[in-house]
N, C-alpha and C. Protein backbone atom coordinates (compact mmCIF):
# COMPACT_ATOMS: atom_id res chain seq x y z
N UNK A 1 94.93 162.76 148.27
CA UNK A 1 94.79 162.34 147.09
C UNK A 1 94.73 161.25 146.87
N UNK A 2 94.16 160.53 147.36
CA UNK A 2 94.14 159.04 146.47
C UNK A 2 92.81 159.31 145.39
N UNK A 3 91.88 159.58 145.73
CA UNK A 3 90.61 159.66 145.11
C UNK A 3 90.73 160.92 144.25
N UNK A 4 91.57 161.42 143.61
CA UNK A 4 92.01 162.56 142.11
C UNK A 4 93.12 162.34 141.95
N UNK A 5 94.43 160.85 142.35
CA UNK A 5 95.18 160.31 141.44
C UNK A 5 94.78 159.30 140.40
N UNK A 6 95.52 158.95 139.85
CA UNK A 6 95.52 157.49 139.02
C UNK A 6 96.93 156.79 138.61
N UNK A 7 96.67 155.95 138.68
CA UNK A 7 98.20 155.19 138.93
C UNK A 7 99.07 155.17 137.29
N UNK A 8 97.89 155.88 136.18
CA UNK A 8 98.88 156.39 135.13
C UNK A 8 100.01 157.56 135.32
N UNK A 9 99.35 158.21 135.94
CA UNK A 9 99.76 159.76 136.30
C UNK A 9 101.06 159.51 137.47
N UNK A 10 101.11 158.34 137.88
CA UNK A 10 102.01 158.00 138.93
C UNK A 10 103.22 157.10 138.17
N UNK A 11 103.16 156.28 137.34
CA UNK A 11 104.17 155.73 136.53
C UNK A 11 104.76 156.94 135.80
N UNK A 12 104.11 157.83 135.64
CA UNK A 12 104.48 158.54 134.63
C UNK A 12 105.32 159.71 135.20
N UNK A 13 105.10 159.22 136.32
CA UNK A 13 105.96 160.68 137.49
C UNK A 13 107.12 160.24 137.94
N UNK A 14 106.98 158.74 138.50
CA UNK A 14 108.33 158.24 138.23
C UNK A 14 109.20 158.01 137.34
N UNK A 15 108.85 158.14 136.14
CA UNK A 15 108.98 157.50 134.80
C UNK A 15 110.32 158.86 134.47
N UNK A 16 109.38 160.27 134.71
CA UNK A 16 110.37 161.51 134.40
C UNK A 16 111.66 160.92 135.29
N UNK A 17 111.39 161.00 136.42
CA UNK A 17 111.83 161.18 137.38
C UNK A 17 113.22 160.64 137.00
N UNK A 18 112.88 158.75 137.00
CA UNK A 18 113.84 158.06 136.55
C UNK A 18 114.95 158.50 135.08
N UNK A 19 114.32 159.11 134.42
CA UNK A 19 114.48 159.42 133.02
C UNK A 19 115.66 160.75 133.33
N UNK A 20 115.65 161.21 133.80
CA UNK A 20 116.55 162.40 133.89
C UNK A 20 117.57 162.38 134.77
N UNK A 21 117.65 161.18 135.09
CA UNK A 21 119.23 160.81 136.39
C UNK A 21 119.36 159.10 135.36
N UNK A 22 118.62 158.81 134.04
CA UNK A 22 119.34 157.88 133.78
C UNK A 22 119.56 156.14 134.17
N UNK A 23 118.10 156.11 135.44
CA UNK A 23 117.88 154.95 135.70
C UNK A 23 117.58 153.42 135.23
N UNK A 24 117.35 153.94 134.21
CA UNK A 24 116.76 152.52 133.33
C UNK A 24 117.91 151.74 133.43
N UNK A 25 119.19 151.83 133.55
CA UNK A 25 120.34 151.46 133.27
C UNK A 25 120.34 150.25 134.95
N UNK A 26 119.61 150.89 136.15
CA UNK A 26 119.80 150.31 137.03
C UNK A 26 118.20 149.62 137.29
N UNK A 27 117.76 149.76 136.99
CA UNK A 27 116.04 149.22 137.63
C UNK A 27 115.42 148.20 136.07
N UNK A 28 116.12 146.82 136.89
CA UNK A 28 115.59 145.44 135.73
C UNK A 28 114.57 145.05 136.79
N UNK A 29 113.50 143.99 136.17
CA UNK A 29 113.82 143.11 137.38
C UNK A 29 113.52 143.29 138.30
N UNK A 30 114.52 142.38 138.43
CA UNK A 30 115.38 141.78 139.78
C UNK A 30 115.72 142.70 140.48
N UNK A 31 116.41 143.72 140.09
CA UNK A 31 116.80 145.02 141.24
C UNK A 31 115.91 145.94 141.61
N UNK A 32 114.42 145.84 141.01
CA UNK A 32 113.93 146.36 141.29
C UNK A 32 112.98 145.32 142.12
N UNK A 33 112.65 144.27 142.38
CA UNK A 33 111.83 143.18 143.11
C UNK A 33 112.50 143.23 144.49
N UNK A 34 114.41 143.56 144.33
CA UNK A 34 114.83 143.38 145.38
C UNK A 34 114.86 144.68 146.07
N UNK A 35 114.66 145.57 145.53
CA UNK A 35 114.67 147.12 146.28
C UNK A 35 113.24 146.97 146.59
N UNK A 36 111.82 146.46 145.81
CA UNK A 36 110.55 146.60 146.64
C UNK A 36 110.96 145.69 148.41
N UNK A 37 111.40 144.35 147.98
CA UNK A 37 111.70 143.66 149.70
C UNK A 37 112.25 144.34 150.57
N UNK A 38 113.55 145.42 150.08
CA UNK A 38 114.35 145.74 151.08
C UNK A 38 113.44 146.54 152.13
N UNK A 39 112.69 147.33 150.97
CA UNK A 39 111.59 148.63 151.42
C UNK A 39 110.43 148.38 152.70
N UNK A 40 109.77 146.77 151.91
CA UNK A 40 108.81 146.24 152.57
C UNK A 40 109.44 146.14 153.96
N UNK A 41 110.78 145.21 154.11
CA UNK A 41 111.59 145.17 155.69
C UNK A 41 112.05 146.44 156.34
N UNK A 42 112.26 147.19 155.76
CA UNK A 42 112.42 148.58 156.51
C UNK A 42 110.59 148.75 157.13
N UNK A 43 109.61 148.95 156.36
CA UNK A 43 108.90 148.72 157.14
C UNK A 43 107.79 147.83 158.41
N UNK A 44 108.33 146.56 157.75
CA UNK A 44 107.95 145.84 158.68
C UNK A 44 109.21 146.19 160.02
N UNK A 45 110.03 146.84 160.08
CA UNK A 45 110.97 146.88 160.97
C UNK A 45 110.03 147.47 162.07
N UNK A 46 109.08 148.53 161.39
CA UNK A 46 108.72 149.62 162.85
C UNK A 46 107.97 148.89 163.63
N UNK A 47 106.98 147.46 162.93
CA UNK A 47 106.00 146.73 163.69
C UNK A 47 106.65 145.81 164.66
N UNK A 48 107.91 145.24 164.25
CA UNK A 48 108.70 144.21 164.87
C UNK A 48 108.70 144.40 167.04
N UNK A 49 107.58 143.42 167.04
CA UNK A 49 107.54 143.53 168.80
C UNK A 49 106.30 143.98 169.07
N UNK A 50 106.16 144.80 168.39
CA UNK A 50 104.89 144.97 168.66
C UNK A 50 103.51 144.73 168.93
N UNK A 51 102.45 144.80 169.94
CA UNK A 51 101.30 144.82 170.41
C UNK A 51 100.25 145.38 169.22
N UNK A 52 98.61 145.02 169.01
CA UNK A 52 98.22 145.89 168.21
C UNK A 52 98.14 147.34 168.85
N UNK A 53 97.70 147.36 170.05
CA UNK A 53 97.43 148.41 170.65
C UNK A 53 98.40 149.60 170.40
N UNK A 54 99.93 149.36 170.37
CA UNK A 54 101.40 149.64 170.61
C UNK A 54 101.16 150.44 168.70
N UNK A 55 101.04 149.49 167.86
CA UNK A 55 100.79 149.73 166.02
C UNK A 55 99.39 150.67 165.65
N UNK A 56 98.97 150.35 167.06
CA UNK A 56 97.49 151.49 166.69
C UNK A 56 97.93 152.50 166.87
N UNK A 57 98.66 152.68 168.23
CA UNK A 57 99.37 154.50 168.78
C UNK A 57 100.60 155.22 167.53
N UNK A 58 101.38 153.99 167.03
CA UNK A 58 102.22 154.25 166.59
C UNK A 58 101.59 155.12 165.49
N UNK A 59 100.43 155.39 164.95
CA UNK A 59 99.85 156.21 163.51
C UNK A 59 98.93 157.38 164.16
N UNK A 60 99.09 157.07 165.50
CA UNK A 60 98.63 158.96 166.11
C UNK A 60 99.94 159.86 166.28
N UNK A 61 100.88 159.00 166.91
CA UNK A 61 102.37 159.62 167.00
C UNK A 61 102.68 160.45 165.46
N UNK A 62 102.55 161.32 165.35
CA UNK A 62 102.72 162.21 163.86
C UNK A 62 104.70 161.84 163.35
N UNK A 63 105.45 161.50 164.29
CA UNK A 63 106.60 161.46 163.93
C UNK A 63 106.78 159.29 163.40
N UNK A 64 106.03 159.29 163.92
CA UNK A 64 106.25 157.70 163.79
C UNK A 64 105.53 157.02 162.56
N UNK A 65 103.93 158.29 162.43
CA UNK A 65 103.26 158.00 161.31
C UNK A 65 103.87 158.04 160.05
N UNK A 66 104.60 159.02 160.06
CA UNK A 66 105.66 159.96 158.55
C UNK A 66 106.69 158.80 158.55
N UNK A 67 107.36 158.04 159.24
CA UNK A 67 108.53 157.32 158.54
C UNK A 67 107.59 156.02 158.33
N UNK A 68 106.68 155.65 159.05
CA UNK A 68 105.53 154.39 158.14
C UNK A 68 105.31 155.11 156.81
N UNK A 69 104.78 155.88 156.47
CA UNK A 69 104.47 156.57 155.76
C UNK A 69 105.64 156.44 154.50
N UNK A 70 106.71 156.90 155.13
CA UNK A 70 107.82 157.14 154.11
C UNK A 70 108.46 155.69 153.89
N UNK A 71 107.87 154.62 154.24
CA UNK A 71 108.77 153.26 154.30
C UNK A 71 107.45 152.53 152.90
N UNK A 72 106.17 152.88 153.20
CA UNK A 72 104.93 152.56 152.44
C UNK A 72 104.80 152.93 150.97
N UNK A 73 105.53 154.51 151.11
CA UNK A 73 106.33 155.25 149.66
C UNK A 73 107.11 154.50 149.13
N UNK A 74 108.01 153.85 149.45
CA UNK A 74 109.06 153.37 148.75
C UNK A 74 108.80 152.35 148.35
N UNK A 75 107.68 151.49 148.75
CA UNK A 75 107.48 150.30 148.51
C UNK A 75 106.87 150.20 146.85
N UNK A 76 105.74 151.37 147.34
CA UNK A 76 104.72 151.56 146.71
C UNK A 76 105.37 152.71 144.57
N UNK A 77 106.78 152.93 145.29
CA UNK A 77 107.64 153.65 144.52
C UNK A 77 108.28 152.85 143.54
N UNK A 78 108.67 151.69 144.04
CA UNK A 78 109.02 150.18 142.89
C UNK A 78 108.48 149.47 142.97
N UNK A 79 106.94 149.22 143.62
CA UNK A 79 106.12 149.12 142.66
C UNK A 79 105.77 149.43 141.28
N UNK A 80 105.36 150.92 141.21
CA UNK A 80 105.19 151.48 140.19
C UNK A 80 106.24 151.38 139.02
N UNK A 81 107.25 151.64 139.55
CA UNK A 81 108.45 151.59 138.63
C UNK A 81 108.66 150.58 138.02
N UNK A 82 108.36 149.07 138.79
CA UNK A 82 108.61 147.92 137.74
C UNK A 82 107.42 147.62 137.15
N UNK A 83 106.35 148.13 137.71
CA UNK A 83 104.95 147.72 136.57
C UNK A 83 105.16 148.71 135.62
N UNK A 84 105.89 150.30 134.94
CA UNK A 84 105.85 151.15 134.07
C UNK A 84 107.30 149.86 133.30
N UNK A 85 108.18 149.41 133.60
CA UNK A 85 109.38 149.38 132.94
C UNK A 85 108.82 148.12 132.37
N UNK A 86 107.45 147.25 132.68
CA UNK A 86 107.63 145.90 132.30
C UNK A 86 106.10 145.62 131.94
N UNK A 87 105.75 146.79 131.80
CA UNK A 87 104.15 146.96 130.79
C UNK A 87 102.91 146.29 131.59
N UNK A 88 103.39 146.30 133.01
CA UNK A 88 102.33 145.78 134.48
C UNK A 88 100.87 146.94 134.40
N UNK A 89 99.53 146.40 133.97
CA UNK A 89 98.56 147.27 134.42
C UNK A 89 98.09 146.27 135.46
N UNK A 90 98.99 147.42 136.63
CA UNK A 90 98.61 146.70 137.67
C UNK A 90 96.84 146.94 138.15
N UNK A 91 95.89 147.79 137.48
CA UNK A 91 94.87 147.55 137.91
C UNK A 91 94.24 146.54 137.31
N UNK A 92 94.30 146.03 136.21
CA UNK A 92 94.07 144.53 135.47
C UNK A 92 94.83 143.26 136.45
N UNK A 93 95.52 143.57 136.63
CA UNK A 93 96.47 142.91 137.53
C UNK A 93 95.83 142.15 139.25
N UNK A 94 95.55 143.53 139.76
CA UNK A 94 94.90 143.51 141.18
C UNK A 94 93.25 142.88 141.11
N UNK A 95 92.77 143.51 139.38
CA UNK A 95 91.19 142.68 139.65
C UNK A 95 91.11 141.63 139.48
N UNK A 96 92.39 140.46 138.44
CA UNK A 96 92.19 139.30 138.33
C UNK A 96 92.60 138.84 139.52
N UNK A 97 93.57 139.23 140.62
CA UNK A 97 94.07 138.22 141.32
C UNK A 97 92.64 138.15 142.35
N UNK A 98 91.77 139.48 142.65
CA UNK A 98 90.55 139.19 143.63
C UNK A 98 89.82 138.46 142.73
N UNK A 99 89.66 138.33 141.82
CA UNK A 99 88.87 137.36 141.46
C UNK A 99 88.91 135.97 141.68
N UNK A 100 90.15 136.13 142.04
CA UNK A 100 90.69 134.56 141.98
C UNK A 100 90.90 134.07 143.33
N UNK A 101 91.05 135.40 144.01
CA UNK A 101 90.65 135.25 145.92
C UNK A 101 89.55 134.95 145.74
N UNK A 102 88.72 135.34 145.60
CA UNK A 102 86.97 135.47 145.36
C UNK A 102 86.80 133.74 145.71
N UNK A 103 87.26 133.52 144.50
CA UNK A 103 87.35 132.03 144.40
C UNK A 103 87.96 131.24 145.23
N UNK A 104 88.83 131.44 145.57
CA UNK A 104 89.95 130.09 146.88
C UNK A 104 89.27 130.29 147.45
N UNK A 105 88.54 131.70 148.23
CA UNK A 105 88.05 132.20 149.57
C UNK A 105 86.76 132.53 149.56
N UNK A 106 86.04 131.77 149.67
CA UNK A 106 84.55 132.11 149.52
C UNK A 106 84.20 132.34 150.74
N UNK A 107 83.92 133.29 151.01
CA UNK A 107 82.70 134.09 152.25
C UNK A 107 82.52 133.25 152.92
N UNK A 108 81.65 132.57 152.69
CA UNK A 108 80.70 131.49 153.19
C UNK A 108 81.83 130.60 154.07
N UNK A 109 82.67 130.31 153.93
CA UNK A 109 83.43 129.23 154.07
C UNK A 109 84.98 129.69 155.08
N UNK A 110 85.08 131.23 154.72
CA UNK A 110 86.00 131.76 155.41
C UNK A 110 85.65 132.86 156.32
N UNK A 111 84.57 133.89 155.99
CA UNK A 111 84.75 134.54 157.29
C UNK A 111 84.16 134.25 158.75
N UNK A 112 84.45 134.81 159.71
CA UNK A 112 84.62 134.11 160.95
C UNK A 112 84.85 132.67 161.23
N UNK A 113 86.28 132.63 160.46
CA UNK A 113 86.49 131.35 160.78
C UNK A 113 88.54 131.01 161.50
N UNK A 114 88.36 132.62 161.10
CA UNK A 114 89.97 132.98 162.41
C UNK A 114 89.88 133.57 163.37
N UNK A 115 90.69 133.23 164.39
CA UNK A 115 91.24 134.24 165.56
C UNK A 115 91.84 135.09 165.01
N UNK A 116 91.63 136.47 166.04
CA UNK A 116 92.76 137.24 165.81
C UNK A 116 93.77 137.07 166.62
N UNK A 117 95.18 137.45 166.00
CA UNK A 117 96.85 136.88 166.44
C UNK A 117 97.00 136.87 167.73
N UNK A 118 96.58 138.08 168.22
CA UNK A 118 96.90 138.72 169.83
C UNK A 118 95.65 137.60 170.76
N UNK A 119 94.97 137.15 170.01
CA UNK A 119 93.29 136.26 170.93
C UNK A 119 94.17 135.44 171.12
N UNK A 120 94.75 134.49 170.54
CA UNK A 120 95.58 133.25 170.75
C UNK A 120 96.13 132.94 171.70
C-alpha cells in the first residue's frame, strides 16, 4: 500500500478521525510531540538489550512483528497529525533535510568510515 497511498490522503484520514471525536482541543504541538516521543520510546523498548540477530528474528516472528508495526504506526500517526495541524509539508521538509544532509555528510567522506555497532 505504501506505493499507492499519498501523505495527504493519510493526513485527511487522520483529520477526519480526530474531527469526529473533537480531539483538536488535545492536539497542540506540545502534546503531539510528547505523544510521538512516547510512542517512539515504546517502539524502542522492543529492541532494548537485543543483538542484531535477535532483532532480525523479531521481524520474522508474526506476533513480534505486529507489535513493532503497531508502534511504528503510532509514531507515524502523531507525525502526520502534527504536520496536518500545523500545515507542514512533510515531503518538502524531508527533501530540504536530505539536501542539507547531503552537504553535511558527503559520500566520499563518510562511506565506509564507521564500524558496525556490534563489531566494536
